[in-house]
Amino acid sequence: MAISPPGAGPDDFAWHISCAQVASAGHCSVFAGIQRSLALLEGDLLLRRLS
């Protein structure tokens, strides 16, 4: 939805905002060293930490 700086990609962004539909269980993308915040727009979501 939005990314900074303009033209940045998945390995060199300062920040980004995205939206995803979760239809079934699966892994979340990994962004090493990036602090994430998630907001649920609709429905229920169960997150589990994998060790």
PDB file of N, CA and C in Angstrom:
ATOM      1  N   MET A   1       0.816  -1.190   0.000  1.00  0.00           N
ATOM      2  CA  MET A   1       0.000   0.000   0.000  1.00  0.00           C
ATOM      3  C   MET A   1       0.865   1.262   0.000  1.00  0.00           C
ATOM      4  N   ALA A   2       1.943   1.241   0.801  1.00  0.00           N
ATOM      5  CA  ALA A   2       2.846   2.401   0.852  1.00  0.00           C
ATOM      6  C   ALA A   2       4.219   1.921   1.301  1.00  0.00           C
ATOM      7  N   ILE A   3       5.264   2.552   0.761  1.00  0.00           N
ATOM      8  CA  ILE A   3       6.635   2.192   1.125  1.00  0.00           C
ATOM      9  C   ILE A   3       7.513   3.431   1.052  1.00  0.00           C
ATOM     10  N   SER A   4       8.530   3.481   1.898  1.00  0.00           N
ATOM     11  CA  SER A   4       9.468   4.597   1.873  1.00  0.00           C
ATOM     12  C   SER A   4      10.875   4.045   2.053  1.00  0.00           C
ATOM     13  N   PRO A   5      11.846   4.602   1.365  1.00  0.00           N
ATOM     14  CA  PRO A   5      11.748   5.657   0.368  1.00  0.00           C
ATOM     15  C   PRO A   5      11.102   5.135  -0.920  1.00  0.00           C
ATOM     16  N   PRO A   6      10.608   6.045  -1.767  1.00  0.00           N
ATOM     17  CA  PRO A   6       9.993   5.637  -3.023  1.00  0.00           C
ATOM     18  C   PRO A   6      10.927   4.724  -3.824  1.00  0.00           C
ATOM     19  N   GLY A   7      10.392   3.645  -4.349  1.00  0.00           N
ATOM     20  CA  GLY A   7      11.182   2.711  -5.135  1.00  0.00           C
ATOM     21  C   GLY A   7      11.900   1.651  -4.314  1.00  0.00           C
ATOM     22  N   ALA A   8      11.777   1.703  -2.991  1.00  0.00           N
ATOM     23  CA  ALA A   8      12.439   0.704  -2.135  1.00  0.00           C
ATOM     24  C   ALA A   8      11.826  -0.662  -2.365  1.00  0.00           C
ATOM     25  N   GLY A   9      12.579  -1.687  -2.054  1.00  0.00           N
ATOM     26  CA  GLY A   9      12.111  -3.060  -2.194  1.00  0.00           C
ATOM     27  C   GLY A   9      12.061  -3.756  -0.853  1.00  0.00           C
ATOM     28  N   PRO A  10      11.831  -5.077  -0.849  1.00  0.00           N
ATOM     29  CA  PRO A  10      11.681  -5.813   0.407  1.00  0.00           C
ATOM     30  C   PRO A  10      12.953  -5.906   1.243  1.00  0.00           C
ATOM     31  N   ASP A  11      14.099  -5.530   0.696  1.00  0.00           N
ATOM     32  CA  ASP A  11      15.350  -5.612   1.453  1.00  0.00           C
ATOM     33  C   ASP A  11      15.921  -4.262   1.857  1.00  0.00           C
ATOM     34  N   ASP A  12      15.295  -3.168   1.421  1.00  0.00           N
ATOM     35  CA  ASP A  12      15.916  -1.862   1.693  1.00  0.00           C
ATOM     36  C   ASP A  12      14.914  -0.757   2.031  1.00  0.00           C
ATOM     37  N   PHE A  13      13.766  -1.110   2.607  1.00  0.00           N
ATOM     38  CA  PHE A  13      12.789  -0.081   2.951  1.00  0.00           C
ATOM     39  C   PHE A  13      13.058   0.495   4.337  1.00  0.00           C
ATOM     40  N   ALA A  14      12.635   1.748   4.545  1.00  0.00           N
ATOM     41  CA  ALA A  14      12.693   2.364   5.871  1.00  0.00           C
ATOM     42  C   ALA A  14      11.421   2.005   6.647  1.00  0.00           C
ATOM     43  N   TRP A  15      10.287   2.007   5.956  1.00  0.00           N
ATOM     44  CA  TRP A  15       9.005   1.580   6.512  1.00  0.00           C
ATOM     45  C   TRP A  15       8.088   1.179   5.366  1.00  0.00           C
ATOM     46  N   HIS A  16       7.106   0.345   5.673  1.00  0.00           N
ATOM     47  CA  HIS A  16       6.073   0.042   4.681  1.00  0.00           C
ATOM     48  C   HIS A  16       4.779  -0.344   5.370  1.00  0.00           C
ATOM     49  N   ILE A  17       3.702  -0.103   4.663  1.00  0.00           N
ATOM     50  CA  ILE A  17       2.355  -0.465   5.108  1.00  0.00           C
ATOM     51  C   ILE A  17       1.794  -1.398   4.053  1.00  0.00           C
ATOM     52  N   SER A  18       1.276  -2.538   4.490  1.00  0.00           N
ATOM     53  CA  SER A  18       0.696  -3.477   3.536  1.00  0.00           C
ATOM     54  C   SER A  18      -0.571  -4.085   4.123  1.00  0.00           C
ATOM     55  N   CYS A  19      -1.315  -4.756   3.278  1.00  0.00           N
ATOM     56  CA  CYS A  19      -2.559  -5.395   3.671  1.00  0.00           C
ATOM     57  C   CYS A  19      -2.556  -6.797   3.069  1.00  0.00           C
ATOM     58  N   ALA A  20      -2.919  -7.794   3.865  1.00  0.00           N
ATOM     59  CA  ALA A  20      -2.927  -9.164   3.369  1.00  0.00           C
ATOM     60  C   ALA A  20      -4.158  -9.891   3.883  1.00  0.00           C
ATOM     61  N   GLN A  21      -4.714 -10.728   3.036  1.00  0.00           N
ATOM     62  CA  GLN A  21      -5.816 -11.592   3.439  1.00  0.00           C
ATOM     63  C   GLN A  21      -5.219 -12.925   3.879  1.00  0.00           C
ATOM     64  N   VAL A  22      -5.601 -13.373   5.073  1.00  0.00           N
ATOM     65  CA  VAL A  22      -5.101 -14.641   5.597  1.00  0.00           C
ATOM     66  C   VAL A  22      -6.244 -15.645   5.486  1.00  0.00           C
ATOM     67  N   ALA A  23      -6.091 -16.619   4.576  1.00  0.00           N
ATOM     68  CA  ALA A  23      -7.157 -17.589   4.322  1.00  0.00           C
ATOM     69  C   ALA A  23      -6.918 -18.917   5.031  1.00  0.00           C
ATOM     70  N   SER A  24      -5.658 -19.207   5.401  1.00  0.00           N
ATOM     71  CA  SER A  24      -5.353 -20.459   6.085  1.00  0.00           C
ATOM     72  C   SER A  24      -4.048 -20.310   6.854  1.00  0.00           C
ATOM     73  N   ALA A  25      -3.750 -21.299   7.683  1.00  0.00           N
ATOM     74  CA  ALA A  25      -2.525 -21.274   8.483  1.00  0.00           C
ATOM     75  C   ALA A  25      -1.300 -21.267   7.576  1.00  0.00           C
ATOM     76  N   GLY A  26      -0.269 -20.568   7.989  1.00  0.00           N
ATOM     77  CA  GLY A  26       0.966 -20.519   7.217  1.00  0.00           C
ATOM     78  C   GLY A  26       1.983 -19.646   7.911  1.00  0.00           C
ATOM     79  N   HIS A  27       3.121 -19.504   7.286  1.00  0.00           N
ATOM     80  CA  HIS A  27       4.208 -18.712   7.852  1.00  0.00           C
ATOM     81  C   HIS A  27       4.069 -17.244   7.448  1.00  0.00           C
ATOM     82  N   CYS A  28       4.515 -16.381   8.326  1.00  0.00           N
ATOM     83  CA  CYS A  28       4.547 -14.945   8.074  1.00  0.00           C
ATOM     84  C   CYS A  28       5.885 -14.610   7.423  1.00  0.00           C
ATOM     85  N   SER A  29       5.906 -13.624   6.538  1.00  0.00           N
ATOM     86  CA  SER A  29       7.187 -13.232   5.927  1.00  0.00           C
ATOM     87  C   SER A  29       8.165 -12.774   6.988  1.00  0.00           C
ATOM     88  N   VAL A  30       9.436 -12.985   6.721  1.00  0.00           N
ATOM     89  CA  VAL A  30      10.492 -12.630   7.661  1.00  0.00           C
ATOM     90  C   VAL A  30      11.161 -11.348   7.189  1.00  0.00           C
ATOM     91  N   PHE A  31      11.244 -10.371   8.075  1.00  0.00           N
ATOM     92  CA  PHE A  31      11.996  -9.143   7.826  1.00  0.00           C
ATOM     93  C   PHE A  31      12.956  -9.001   9.000  1.00  0.00           C
ATOM     94  N   ALA A  32      14.121  -9.628   8.896  1.00  0.00           N
ATOM     95  CA  ALA A  32      15.094  -9.641   9.988  1.00  0.00           C
ATOM     96  C   ALA A  32      15.471  -8.215  10.397  1.00  0.00           C
ATOM     97  N   GLY A  33      15.445  -7.966  11.698  1.00  0.00           N
ATOM     98  CA  GLY A  33      15.833  -6.661  12.222  1.00  0.00           C
ATOM     99  C   GLY A  33      14.762  -5.590  12.116  1.00  0.00           C
ATOM    100  N   ILE A  34      13.583  -5.948  11.645  1.00  0.00           N
ATOM    101  CA  ILE A  34      12.499  -4.974  11.483  1.00  0.00           C
ATOM    102  C   ILE A  34      11.458  -5.194  12.574  1.00  0.00           C
ATOM    103  N   GLN A  35      11.080  -4.125  13.260  1.00  0.00           N
ATOM    104  CA  GLN A  35      10.013  -4.188  14.260  1.00  0.00           C
ATOM    105  C   GLN A  35       8.685  -4.152  13.521  1.00  0.00           C
ATOM    106  N   ARG A  36       7.785  -5.070  13.860  1.00  0.00           N
ATOM    107  CA  ARG A  36       6.508  -5.158  13.155  1.00  0.00           C
ATOM    108  C   ARG A  36       5.358  -4.809  14.079  1.00  0.00           C
ATOM    109  N   SER A  37       4.337  -4.203  13.490  1.00  0.00           N
ATOM    110  CA  SER A  37       3.070  -3.962  14.167  1.00  0.00           C
ATOM    111  C   SER A  37       1.979  -4.520  13.267  1.00  0.00           C
ATOM    112  N   LEU A  38       1.079  -5.307  13.830  1.00  0.00           N
ATOM    113  CA  LEU A  38      -0.011  -5.887  13.062  1.00  0.00           C
ATOM    114  C   LEU A  38      -1.328  -5.324  13.562  1.00  0.00           C
ATOM    115  N   ALA A  39      -2.243  -5.082  12.649  1.00  0.00           N
ATOM    116  CA  ALA A  39      -3.588  -4.618  13.000  1.00  0.00           C
ATOM    117  C   ALA A  39      -4.587  -5.503  12.273  1.00  0.00           C
ATOM    118  N   LEU A  40      -5.514  -6.068  12.995  1.00  0.00           N
ATOM    119  CA  LEU A  40      -6.538  -6.917  12.426  1.00  0.00           C
ATOM    120  C   LEU A  40      -7.711  -6.053  11.992  1.00  0.00           C
ATOM    121  N   LEU A  41      -8.062  -6.133  10.717  1.00  0.00           N
ATOM    122  CA  LEU A  41      -9.142  -5.311  10.184  1.00  0.00           C
ATOM    123  C   LEU A  41     -10.502  -5.995  10.291  1.00  0.00           C
ATOM    124  N   GLU A  42     -10.501  -7.349  10.266  1.00  0.00           N
ATOM    125  CA  GLU A  42     -11.761  -8.079  10.299  1.00  0.00           C
ATOM    126  C   GLU A  42     -11.488  -9.529  10.700  1.00  0.00           C
ATOM    127  N   GLY A  43     -12.391 -10.147  11.450  1.00  0.00           N
ATOM    128  CA  GLY A  43     -12.283 -11.560  11.785  1.00  0.00           C
ATOM    129  C   GLY A  43     -11.410 -11.833  12.998  1.00  0.00           C
ATOM    130  N   ASP A  44     -10.930 -13.073  13.092  1.00  0.00           N
ATOM    131  CA  ASP A  44     -10.104 -13.530  14.207  1.00  0.00           C
ATOM    132  C   ASP A  44      -8.772 -14.031  13.675  1.00  0.00           C
ATOM    133  N   LEU A  45      -7.726 -13.878  14.457  1.00  0.00           N
ATOM    134  CA  LEU A  45      -6.402 -14.338  14.048  1.00  0.00           C
ATOM    135  C   LEU A  45      -5.662 -14.844  15.280  1.00  0.00           C
ATOM    136  N   LEU A  46      -5.100 -16.036  15.194  1.00  0.00           N
ATOM    137  CA  LEU A  46      -4.303 -16.620  16.269  1.00  0.00           C
ATOM    138  C   LEU A  46      -2.851 -16.665  15.807  1.00  0.00           C
ATOM    139  N   LEU A  47      -1.979 -16.009  16.536  1.00  0.00           N
ATOM    140  CA  LEU A  47      -0.548 -15.998  16.203  1.00  0.00           C
ATOM    141  C   LEU A  47       0.185 -16.905  17.172  1.00  0.00           C
ATOM    142  N   ARG A  48       1.104 -17.702  16.657  1.00  0.00           N
ATOM    143  CA  ARG A  48       1.943 -18.570  17.497  1.00  0.00           C
ATOM    144  C   ARG A  48       3.391 -18.288  17.209  1.00  0.00           C
ATOM    145  N   ARG A  49       4.196 -18.238  18.252  1.00  0.00           N
ATOM    146  CA  ARG A  49       5.637 -18.059  18.102  1.00  0.00           C
ATOM    147  C   ARG A  49       6.252 -19.426  17.844  1.00  0.00           C
ATOM    148  N   LEU A  50       7.035 -19.517  16.788  1.00  0.00           N
ATOM    149  CA  LEU A  50       7.729 -20.756  16.485  1.00  0.00           C
ATOM    150  C   LEU A  50       9.119 -20.683  17.079  1.00  0.00           C
ATOM    151  N   SER A  51       9.559 -21.748  17.742  1.00  0.00           N
ATOM    152  CA  SER A  51      10.892 -21.722  18.336  1.00  0.00           C
ATOM    153  C   SER A  51      11.833 -22.599  17.560  1.00  0.00           C
TER     154      SER A  51
END
